[in-house]
Amino acid sequence: KGDSMLPLVMDGDIIICEKISDRYANGRICVVTVD
């Protein structure tokens, strides 16, 4: 939901995510929680 990752990811897209450790996240598009 939302458009901050345009043009790669659009509102309504379904993304498939793989659970990884933090050390493999650098430079990649990730699911992140803040507070």
PDB file of all heavy atoms in Angstrom:
ATOM      1  N   LYS A   1       0.862  -1.180   0.000  1.00  0.00           N
ATOM      2  CA  LYS A   1       0.000   0.000   0.000  1.00  0.00           C
ATOM      3  C   LYS A   1       0.898   1.229   0.000  1.00  0.00           C
ATOM      4  O   LYS A   1       1.743   1.392   0.870  1.00  0.00           O
ATOM      5  CB  LYS A   1      -0.900   0.007   1.241  1.00  0.00           C
ATOM      6  CG  LYS A   1      -1.832   1.214   1.331  1.00  0.00           C
ATOM      7  CD  LYS A   1      -2.683   1.140   2.589  1.00  0.00           C
ATOM      8  CE  LYS A   1      -3.608   2.344   2.697  1.00  0.00           C
ATOM      9  NZ  LYS A   1      -4.430   2.293   3.943  1.00  0.00           N
ATOM     10  N   GLY A   2       0.718   2.096  -0.987  1.00  0.00           N
ATOM     11  CA  GLY A   2       1.531   3.306  -1.044  1.00  0.00           C
ATOM     12  C   GLY A   2       2.439   3.348  -2.266  1.00  0.00           C
ATOM     13  O   GLY A   2       2.523   2.386  -3.036  1.00  0.00           O
ATOM     14  N   ASP A   3       3.150   4.471  -2.426  1.00  0.00           N
ATOM     15  CA  ASP A   3       3.918   4.699  -3.651  1.00  0.00           C
ATOM     16  C   ASP A   3       5.365   5.116  -3.419  1.00  0.00           C
ATOM     17  O   ASP A   3       6.021   5.614  -4.325  1.00  0.00           O
ATOM     18  CB  ASP A   3       3.217   5.750  -4.504  1.00  0.00           C
ATOM     19  CG  ASP A   3       3.094   7.112  -3.802  1.00  0.00           C
ATOM     20  OD1 ASP A   3       3.542   7.228  -2.644  1.00  0.00           O
ATOM     21  OD2 ASP A   3       2.540   8.042  -4.417  1.00  0.00           O
ATOM     22  N   SER A   4       5.889   4.900  -2.231  1.00  0.00           N
ATOM     23  CA  SER A   4       7.254   5.377  -1.961  1.00  0.00           C
ATOM     24  C   SER A   4       8.319   4.562  -2.686  1.00  0.00           C
ATOM     25  O   SER A   4       9.466   5.006  -2.786  1.00  0.00           O
ATOM     26  CB  SER A   4       7.550   5.367  -0.452  1.00  0.00           C
ATOM     27  OG  SER A   4       7.764   4.049   0.005  1.00  0.00           O
ATOM     28  N   MET A   5       7.948   3.373  -3.190  1.00  0.00           N
ATOM     29  CA  MET A   5       8.942   2.544  -3.875  1.00  0.00           C
ATOM     30  C   MET A   5       8.733   2.523  -5.383  1.00  0.00           C
ATOM     31  O   MET A   5       9.249   1.649  -6.079  1.00  0.00           O
ATOM     32  CB  MET A   5       8.919   1.133  -3.292  1.00  0.00           C
ATOM     33  CG  MET A   5       9.252   1.061  -1.816  1.00  0.00           C
ATOM     34  SD  MET A   5      10.824   1.867  -1.379  1.00  0.00           S
ATOM     35  CE  MET A   5      11.987   0.689  -2.066  1.00  0.00           C
ATOM     36  N   LEU A   6       7.946   3.486  -5.884  1.00  0.00           N
ATOM     37  CA  LEU A   6       7.839   3.663  -7.335  1.00  0.00           C
ATOM     38  C   LEU A   6       9.201   4.066  -7.907  1.00  0.00           C
ATOM     39  O   LEU A   6       9.968   4.755  -7.235  1.00  0.00           O
ATOM     40  CB  LEU A   6       6.819   4.757  -7.653  1.00  0.00           C
ATOM     41  CG  LEU A   6       5.337   4.420  -7.480  1.00  0.00           C
ATOM     42  CD1 LEU A   6       4.487   5.666  -7.709  1.00  0.00           C
ATOM     43  CD2 LEU A   6       4.914   3.332  -8.452  1.00  0.00           C
ATOM     44  N   PRO A   7       9.547   3.639  -9.119  1.00  0.00           N
ATOM     45  CA  PRO A   7       8.688   2.913 -10.060  1.00  0.00           C
ATOM     46  C   PRO A   7       8.772   1.395  -9.946  1.00  0.00           C
ATOM     47  O   PRO A   7       8.108   0.689 -10.685  1.00  0.00           O
ATOM     48  CB  PRO A   7       9.247   3.368 -11.404  1.00  0.00           C
ATOM     49  CG  PRO A   7      10.714   3.531 -11.125  1.00  0.00           C
ATOM     50  CD  PRO A   7      10.802   4.085  -9.729  1.00  0.00           C
ATOM     51  N   LEU A   8       9.590   0.890  -9.029  1.00  0.00           N
ATOM     52  CA  LEU A   8       9.782  -0.557  -8.960  1.00  0.00           C
ATOM     53  C   LEU A   8       8.563  -1.271  -8.387  1.00  0.00           C
ATOM     54  O   LEU A   8       8.086  -2.269  -8.943  1.00  0.00           O
ATOM     55  CB  LEU A   8      11.016  -0.889  -8.122  1.00  0.00           C
ATOM     56  CG  LEU A   8      11.330  -2.390  -7.980  1.00  0.00           C
ATOM     57  CD1 LEU A   8      11.647  -2.991  -9.338  1.00  0.00           C
ATOM     58  CD2 LEU A   8      12.494  -2.603  -7.016  1.00  0.00           C
ATOM     59  N   VAL A   9       8.055  -0.771  -7.255  1.00  0.00           N
ATOM     60  CA  VAL A   9       6.937  -1.419  -6.567  1.00  0.00           C
ATOM     61  C   VAL A   9       5.758  -0.462  -6.559  1.00  0.00           C
ATOM     62  O   VAL A   9       5.893   0.698  -6.143  1.00  0.00           O
ATOM     63  CB  VAL A   9       7.310  -1.800  -5.122  1.00  0.00           C
ATOM     64  CG1 VAL A   9       6.167  -2.565  -4.470  1.00  0.00           C
ATOM     65  CG2 VAL A   9       8.594  -2.635  -5.102  1.00  0.00           C
ATOM     66  N   MET A  10       4.597  -0.957  -6.984  1.00  0.00           N
ATOM     67  CA  MET A  10       3.414  -0.115  -7.089  1.00  0.00           C
ATOM     68  C   MET A  10       2.380  -0.477  -6.034  1.00  0.00           C
ATOM     69  O   MET A  10       2.371  -1.599  -5.501  1.00  0.00           O
ATOM     70  CB  MET A  10       2.792  -0.267  -8.491  1.00  0.00           C
ATOM     71  CG  MET A  10       3.702   0.165  -9.617  1.00  0.00           C
ATOM     72  SD  MET A  10       2.977  -0.146 -11.263  1.00  0.00           S
ATOM     73  CE  MET A  10       1.526   0.911 -11.163  1.00  0.00           C
ATOM     74  N   ASP A  11       1.502   0.474  -5.743  1.00  0.00           N
ATOM     75  CA  ASP A  11       0.377   0.241  -4.840  1.00  0.00           C
ATOM     76  C   ASP A  11      -0.448  -0.929  -5.369  1.00  0.00           C
ATOM     77  O   ASP A  11      -0.807  -0.952  -6.554  1.00  0.00           O
ATOM     78  CB  ASP A  11      -0.485   1.505  -4.771  1.00  0.00           C
ATOM     79  CG  ASP A  11      -1.612   1.382  -3.774  1.00  0.00           C
ATOM     80  OD1 ASP A  11      -2.692   0.893  -4.164  1.00  0.00           O
ATOM     81  OD2 ASP A  11      -1.418   1.780  -2.612  1.00  0.00           O
ATOM     82  N   GLY A  12      -0.738  -1.896  -4.510  1.00  0.00           N
ATOM     83  CA  GLY A  12      -1.518  -3.062  -4.913  1.00  0.00           C
ATOM     84  C   GLY A  12      -0.701  -4.270  -5.301  1.00  0.00           C
ATOM     85  O   GLY A  12      -1.248  -5.373  -5.439  1.00  0.00           O
ATOM     86  N   ASP A  13       0.618  -4.112  -5.482  1.00  0.00           N
ATOM     87  CA  ASP A  13       1.467  -5.262  -5.799  1.00  0.00           C
ATOM     88  C   ASP A  13       1.511  -6.239  -4.620  1.00  0.00           C
ATOM     89  O   ASP A  13       1.379  -5.844  -3.459  1.00  0.00           O
ATOM     90  CB  ASP A  13       2.899  -4.812  -6.097  1.00  0.00           C
ATOM     91  CG  ASP A  13       3.042  -4.155  -7.456  1.00  0.00           C
ATOM     92  OD1 ASP A  13       2.115  -4.267  -8.271  1.00  0.00           O
ATOM     93  OD2 ASP A  13       4.085  -3.515  -7.686  1.00  0.00           O
ATOM     94  N   ILE A  14       1.712  -7.504  -4.946  1.00  0.00           N
ATOM     95  CA  ILE A  14       1.984  -8.519  -3.925  1.00  0.00           C
ATOM     96  C   ILE A  14       3.481  -8.805  -3.979  1.00  0.00           C
ATOM     97  O   ILE A  14       4.020  -9.130  -5.042  1.00  0.00           O
ATOM     98  CB  ILE A  14       1.202  -9.816  -4.169  1.00  0.00           C
ATOM     99  CG1 ILE A  14      -0.306  -9.555  -4.170  1.00  0.00           C
ATOM    100  CG2 ILE A  14       1.574 -10.868  -3.117  1.00  0.00           C
ATOM    101  CD1 ILE A  14      -0.874  -9.167  -2.826  1.00  0.00           C
ATOM    102  N   ILE A  15       4.150  -8.666  -2.848  1.00  0.00           N
ATOM    103  CA  ILE A  15       5.583  -8.948  -2.805  1.00  0.00           C
ATOM    104  C   ILE A  15       5.836 -10.242  -2.046  1.00  0.00           C
ATOM    105  O   ILE A  15       5.159 -10.550  -1.066  1.00  0.00           O
ATOM    106  CB  ILE A  15       6.383  -7.789  -2.180  1.00  0.00           C
ATOM    107  CG1 ILE A  15       5.907  -7.476  -0.758  1.00  0.00           C
ATOM    108  CG2 ILE A  15       6.319  -6.552  -3.059  1.00  0.00           C
ATOM    109  CD1 ILE A  15       6.796  -6.490  -0.021  1.00  0.00           C
ATOM    110  N   ILE A  16       6.803 -11.010  -2.538  1.00  0.00           N
ATOM    111  CA  ILE A  16       7.249 -12.232  -1.873  1.00  0.00           C
ATOM    112  C   ILE A  16       8.556 -11.902  -1.169  1.00  0.00           C
ATOM    113  O   ILE A  16       9.499 -11.394  -1.781  1.00  0.00           O
ATOM    114  CB  ILE A  16       7.479 -13.377  -2.877  1.00  0.00           C
ATOM    115  CG1 ILE A  16       6.256 -13.560  -3.782  1.00  0.00           C
ATOM    116  CG2 ILE A  16       7.818 -14.669  -2.128  1.00  0.00           C
ATOM    117  CD1 ILE A  16       4.988 -13.927  -3.062  1.00  0.00           C
ATOM    118  N   CYS A  17       8.594 -12.169   0.123  1.00  0.00           N
ATOM    119  CA  CYS A  17       9.756 -11.827   0.944  1.00  0.00           C
ATOM    120  C   CYS A  17      10.374 -13.072   1.549  1.00  0.00           C
ATOM    121  O   CYS A  17       9.659 -14.012   1.919  1.00  0.00           O
ATOM    122  CB  CYS A  17       9.350 -10.874   2.066  1.00  0.00           C
ATOM    123  SG  CYS A  17       8.553  -9.370   1.473  1.00  0.00           S
ATOM    124  N   GLU A  18      11.675 -13.063   1.643  1.00  0.00           N
ATOM    125  CA  GLU A  18      12.408 -14.151   2.290  1.00  0.00           C
ATOM    126  C   GLU A  18      12.969 -13.659   3.611  1.00  0.00           C
ATOM    127  O   GLU A  18      13.568 -12.585   3.676  1.00  0.00           O
ATOM    128  CB  GLU A  18      13.553 -14.633   1.405  1.00  0.00           C
ATOM    129  CG  GLU A  18      14.368 -15.766   2.033  1.00  0.00           C
ATOM    130  CD  GLU A  18      15.553 -16.179   1.176  1.00  0.00           C
ATOM    131  OE1 GLU A  18      15.829 -15.513   0.161  1.00  0.00           O
ATOM    132  OE2 GLU A  18      16.209 -17.173   1.536  1.00  0.00           O
ATOM    133  N   LYS A  19      12.757 -14.438   4.655  1.00  0.00           N
ATOM    134  CA  LYS A  19      13.316 -14.082   5.955  1.00  0.00           C
ATOM    135  C   LYS A  19      14.827 -14.269   5.924  1.00  0.00           C
ATOM    136  O   LYS A  19      15.325 -15.321   5.518  1.00  0.00           O
ATOM    137  CB  LYS A  19      12.694 -14.946   7.058  1.00  0.00           C
ATOM    138  CG  LYS A  19      11.217 -14.663   7.282  1.00  0.00           C
ATOM    139  CD  LYS A  19      10.670 -15.467   8.446  1.00  0.00           C
ATOM    140  CE  LYS A  19       9.208 -15.138   8.700  1.00  0.00           C
ATOM    141  NZ  LYS A  19       8.648 -15.917   9.838  1.00  0.00           N
ATOM    142  N   ILE A  20      15.555 -13.238   6.330  1.00  0.00           N
ATOM    143  CA  ILE A  20      17.012 -13.271   6.307  1.00  0.00           C
ATOM    144  C   ILE A  20      17.549 -12.650   7.575  1.00  0.00           C
ATOM    145  O   ILE A  20      16.829 -11.982   8.316  1.00  0.00           O
ATOM    146  CB  ILE A  20      17.580 -12.503   5.094  1.00  0.00           C
ATOM    147  CG1 ILE A  20      17.134 -11.029   5.163  1.00  0.00           C
ATOM    148  CG2 ILE A  20      17.174 -13.155   3.779  1.00  0.00           C
ATOM    149  CD1 ILE A  20      17.871 -10.132   4.205  1.00  0.00           C
ATOM    150  N   SER A  21      18.834 -12.837   7.806  1.00  0.00           N
ATOM    151  CA  SER A  21      19.484 -12.144   8.915  1.00  0.00           C
ATOM    152  C   SER A  21      19.907 -10.756   8.440  1.00  0.00           C
ATOM    153  O   SER A  21      20.074 -10.511   7.244  1.00  0.00           O
ATOM    154  CB  SER A  21      20.694 -12.930   9.409  1.00  0.00           C
ATOM    155  OG  SER A  21      21.671 -13.020   8.395  1.00  0.00           O
ATOM    156  N   ASP A  22      20.093  -9.844   9.371  1.00  0.00           N
ATOM    157  CA  ASP A  22      20.390  -8.448   9.034  1.00  0.00           C
ATOM    158  C   ASP A  22      21.632  -8.294   8.160  1.00  0.00           C
ATOM    159  O   ASP A  22      21.712  -7.386   7.335  1.00  0.00           O
ATOM    160  CB  ASP A  22      20.575  -7.628  10.312  1.00  0.00           C
ATOM    161  CG  ASP A  22      19.267  -7.432  11.068  1.00  0.00           C
ATOM    162  OD1 ASP A  22      18.233  -7.962  10.602  1.00  0.00           O
ATOM    163  OD2 ASP A  22      19.271  -6.767  12.110  1.00  0.00           O
ATOM    164  N   ARG A  23      22.598  -9.190   8.313  1.00  0.00           N
ATOM    165  CA  ARG A  23      23.860  -8.997   7.581  1.00  0.00           C
ATOM    166  C   ARG A  23      23.699  -9.177   6.073  1.00  0.00           C
ATOM    167  O   ARG A  23      24.585  -8.808   5.309  1.00  0.00           O
ATOM    168  CB  ARG A  23      24.933  -9.942   8.125  1.00  0.00           C
ATOM    169  CG  ARG A  23      24.696 -11.416   7.887  1.00  0.00           C
ATOM    170  CD  ARG A  23      25.867 -12.212   8.462  1.00  0.00           C
ATOM    171  NE  ARG A  23      25.738 -13.638   8.247  1.00  0.00           N
ATOM    172  CZ  ARG A  23      25.086 -14.460   9.049  1.00  0.00           C
ATOM    173  NH1 ARG A  23      24.481 -13.973  10.122  1.00  0.00           N
ATOM    174  NH2 ARG A  23      25.035 -15.753   8.797  1.00  0.00           N
ATOM    175  N   TYR A  24      22.569  -9.759   5.628  1.00  0.00           N
ATOM    176  CA  TYR A  24      22.339  -9.927   4.195  1.00  0.00           C
ATOM    177  C   TYR A  24      21.410  -8.854   3.627  1.00  0.00           C
ATOM    178  O   TYR A  24      21.032  -8.917   2.461  1.00  0.00           O
ATOM    179  CB  TYR A  24      21.737 -11.304   3.919  1.00  0.00           C
ATOM    180  CG  TYR A  24      22.640 -12.452   4.310  1.00  0.00           C
ATOM    181  CD1 TYR A  24      22.247 -13.368   5.273  1.00  0.00           C
ATOM    182  CD2 TYR A  24      23.897 -12.613   3.723  1.00  0.00           C
ATOM    183  CE1 TYR A  24      23.068 -14.422   5.637  1.00  0.00           C
ATOM    184  CE2 TYR A  24      24.730 -13.652   4.086  1.00  0.00           C
ATOM    185  CZ  TYR A  24      24.306 -14.559   5.038  1.00  0.00           C
ATOM    186  OH  TYR A  24      25.124 -15.592   5.400  1.00  0.00           O
ATOM    187  N   ALA A  25      21.046  -7.865   4.441  1.00  0.00           N
ATOM    188  CA  ALA A  25      20.044  -6.882   4.023  1.00  0.00           C
ATOM    189  C   ALA A  25      20.632  -5.661   3.344  1.00  0.00           C
ATOM    190  O   ALA A  25      19.917  -4.955   2.625  1.00  0.00           O
ATOM    191  CB  ALA A  25      19.240  -6.435   5.243  1.00  0.00           C
ATOM    192  N   ASN A  26      21.903  -5.396   3.536  1.00  0.00           N
ATOM    193  CA  ASN A  26      22.486  -4.147   3.062  1.00  0.00           C
ATOM    194  C   ASN A  26      22.346  -4.002   1.545  1.00  0.00           C
ATOM    195  O   ASN A  26      22.708  -4.899   0.779  1.00  0.00           O
ATOM    196  CB  ASN A  26      23.957  -4.070   3.454  1.00  0.00           C
ATOM    197  CG  ASN A  26      24.479  -2.656   3.431  1.00  0.00           C
ATOM    198  OD1 ASN A  26      23.722  -1.690   3.504  1.00  0.00           O
ATOM    199  ND2 ASN A  26      25.795  -2.512   3.333  1.00  0.00           N
ATOM    200  N   GLY A  27      21.779  -2.866   1.119  1.00  0.00           N
ATOM    201  CA  GLY A  27      21.616  -2.587  -0.291  1.00  0.00           C
ATOM    202  C   GLY A  27      20.392  -3.208  -0.928  1.00  0.00           C
ATOM    203  O   GLY A  27      20.179  -3.057  -2.138  1.00  0.00           O
ATOM    204  N   ARG A  28      19.554  -3.884  -0.156  1.00  0.00           N
ATOM    205  CA  ARG A  28      18.396  -4.575  -0.702  1.00  0.00           C
ATOM    206  C   ARG A  28      17.104  -3.943  -0.193  1.00  0.00           C
ATOM    207  O   ARG A  28      17.087  -3.225   0.809  1.00  0.00           O
ATOM    208  CB  ARG A  28      18.453  -6.060  -0.336  1.00  0.00           C
ATOM    209  CG  ARG A  28      19.751  -6.716  -0.775  1.00  0.00           C
ATOM    210  CD  ARG A  28      19.879  -8.148  -0.326  1.00  0.00           C
ATOM    211  NE  ARG A  28      18.997  -9.026  -1.094  1.00  0.00           N
ATOM    212  CZ  ARG A  28      18.959 -10.349  -0.907  1.00  0.00           C
ATOM    213  NH1 ARG A  28      19.732 -10.917   0.006  1.00  0.00           N
ATOM    214  NH2 ARG A  28      18.147 -11.091  -1.626  1.00  0.00           N
ATOM    215  N   ILE A  29      15.998  -4.216  -0.889  1.00  0.00           N
ATOM    216  CA  ILE A  29      14.692  -3.723  -0.468  1.00  0.00           C
ATOM    217  C   ILE A  29      14.135  -4.693   0.567  1.00  0.00           C
ATOM    218  O   ILE A  29      14.010  -5.893   0.302  1.00  0.00           O
ATOM    219  CB  ILE A  29      13.745  -3.592  -1.675  1.00  0.00           C
ATOM    220  CG1 ILE A  29      14.286  -2.538  -2.637  1.00  0.00           C
ATOM    221  CG2 ILE A  29      12.335  -3.226  -1.215  1.00  0.00           C
ATOM    222  CD1 ILE A  29      13.507  -2.405  -3.920  1.00  0.00           C
ATOM    223  N   CYS A  30      13.796  -4.154   1.734  1.00  0.00           N
ATOM    224  CA  CYS A  30      13.463  -5.004   2.870  1.00  0.00           C
ATOM    225  C   CYS A  30      12.167  -4.578   3.550  1.00  0.00           C
ATOM    226  O   CYS A  30      11.734  -3.427   3.460  1.00  0.00           O
ATOM    227  CB  CYS A  30      14.586  -4.951   3.912  1.00  0.00           C
ATOM    228  SG  CYS A  30      16.183  -5.557   3.324  1.00  0.00           S
ATOM    229  N   VAL A  31      11.589  -5.531   4.259  1.00  0.00           N
ATOM    230  CA  VAL A  31      10.498  -5.256   5.193  1.00  0.00           C
ATOM    231  C   VAL A  31      11.140  -4.869   6.515  1.00  0.00           C
ATOM    232  O   VAL A  31      11.899  -5.644   7.099  1.00  0.00           O
ATOM    233  CB  VAL A  31       9.595  -6.485   5.374  1.00  0.00           C
ATOM    234  CG1 VAL A  31       8.540  -6.221   6.440  1.00  0.00           C
ATOM    235  CG2 VAL A  31       8.940  -6.864   4.047  1.00  0.00           C
ATOM    236  N   VAL A  32      10.855  -3.644   6.961  1.00  0.00           N
ATOM    237  CA  VAL A  32      11.505  -3.105   8.158  1.00  0.00           C
ATOM    238  C   VAL A  32      10.431  -2.627   9.127  1.00  0.00           C
ATOM    239  O   VAL A  32       9.396  -2.087   8.705  1.00  0.00           O
ATOM    240  CB  VAL A  32      12.422  -1.917   7.794  1.00  0.00           C
ATOM    241  CG1 VAL A  32      13.186  -1.431   9.017  1.00  0.00           C
ATOM    242  CG2 VAL A  32      13.386  -2.294   6.673  1.00  0.00           C
ATOM    243  N   THR A  33      10.666  -2.826  10.412  1.00  0.00           N
ATOM    244  CA  THR A  33       9.785  -2.233  11.413  1.00  0.00           C
ATOM    245  C   THR A  33      10.525  -1.131  12.152  1.00  0.00           C
ATOM    246  O   THR A  33      11.713  -1.252  12.466  1.00  0.00           O
ATOM    247  CB  THR A  33       9.254  -3.261  12.427  1.00  0.00           C
ATOM    248  OG1 THR A  33      10.350  -3.921  13.055  1.00  0.00           O
ATOM    249  CG2 THR A  33       8.347  -4.271  11.759  1.00  0.00           C
ATOM    250  N   VAL A  34       9.799  -0.039  12.374  1.00  0.00           N
ATOM    251  CA  VAL A  34      10.296   1.108  13.132  1.00  0.00           C
ATOM    252  C   VAL A  34       9.278   1.388  14.223  1.00  0.00           C
ATOM    253  O   VAL A  34       8.121   1.680  13.924  1.00  0.00           O
ATOM    254  CB  VAL A  34      10.454   2.354  12.233  1.00  0.00           C
ATOM    255  CG1 VAL A  34      11.009   3.526  13.046  1.00  0.00           C
ATOM    256  CG2 VAL A  34      11.336   2.057  11.024  1.00  0.00           C
ATOM    257  N   ASP A  35       9.702   1.279  15.479  1.00  0.00           N
ATOM    258  CA  ASP A  35       8.752   1.401  16.593  1.00  0.00           C
ATOM    259  C   ASP A  35       7.579   0.446  16.406  1.00  0.00           C
ATOM    260  O   ASP A  35       6.415   0.790  16.649  1.00  0.00           O
ATOM    261  CB  ASP A  35       8.247   2.845  16.720  1.00  0.00           C
ATOM    262  CG  ASP A  35       9.327   3.781  17.231  1.00  0.00           C
ATOM    263  OD1 ASP A  35      10.161   3.331  18.059  1.00  0.00           O
ATOM    264  OD2 ASP A  35       9.359   4.944  16.803  1.00  0.00           O
TER     265      ASP A  35
END
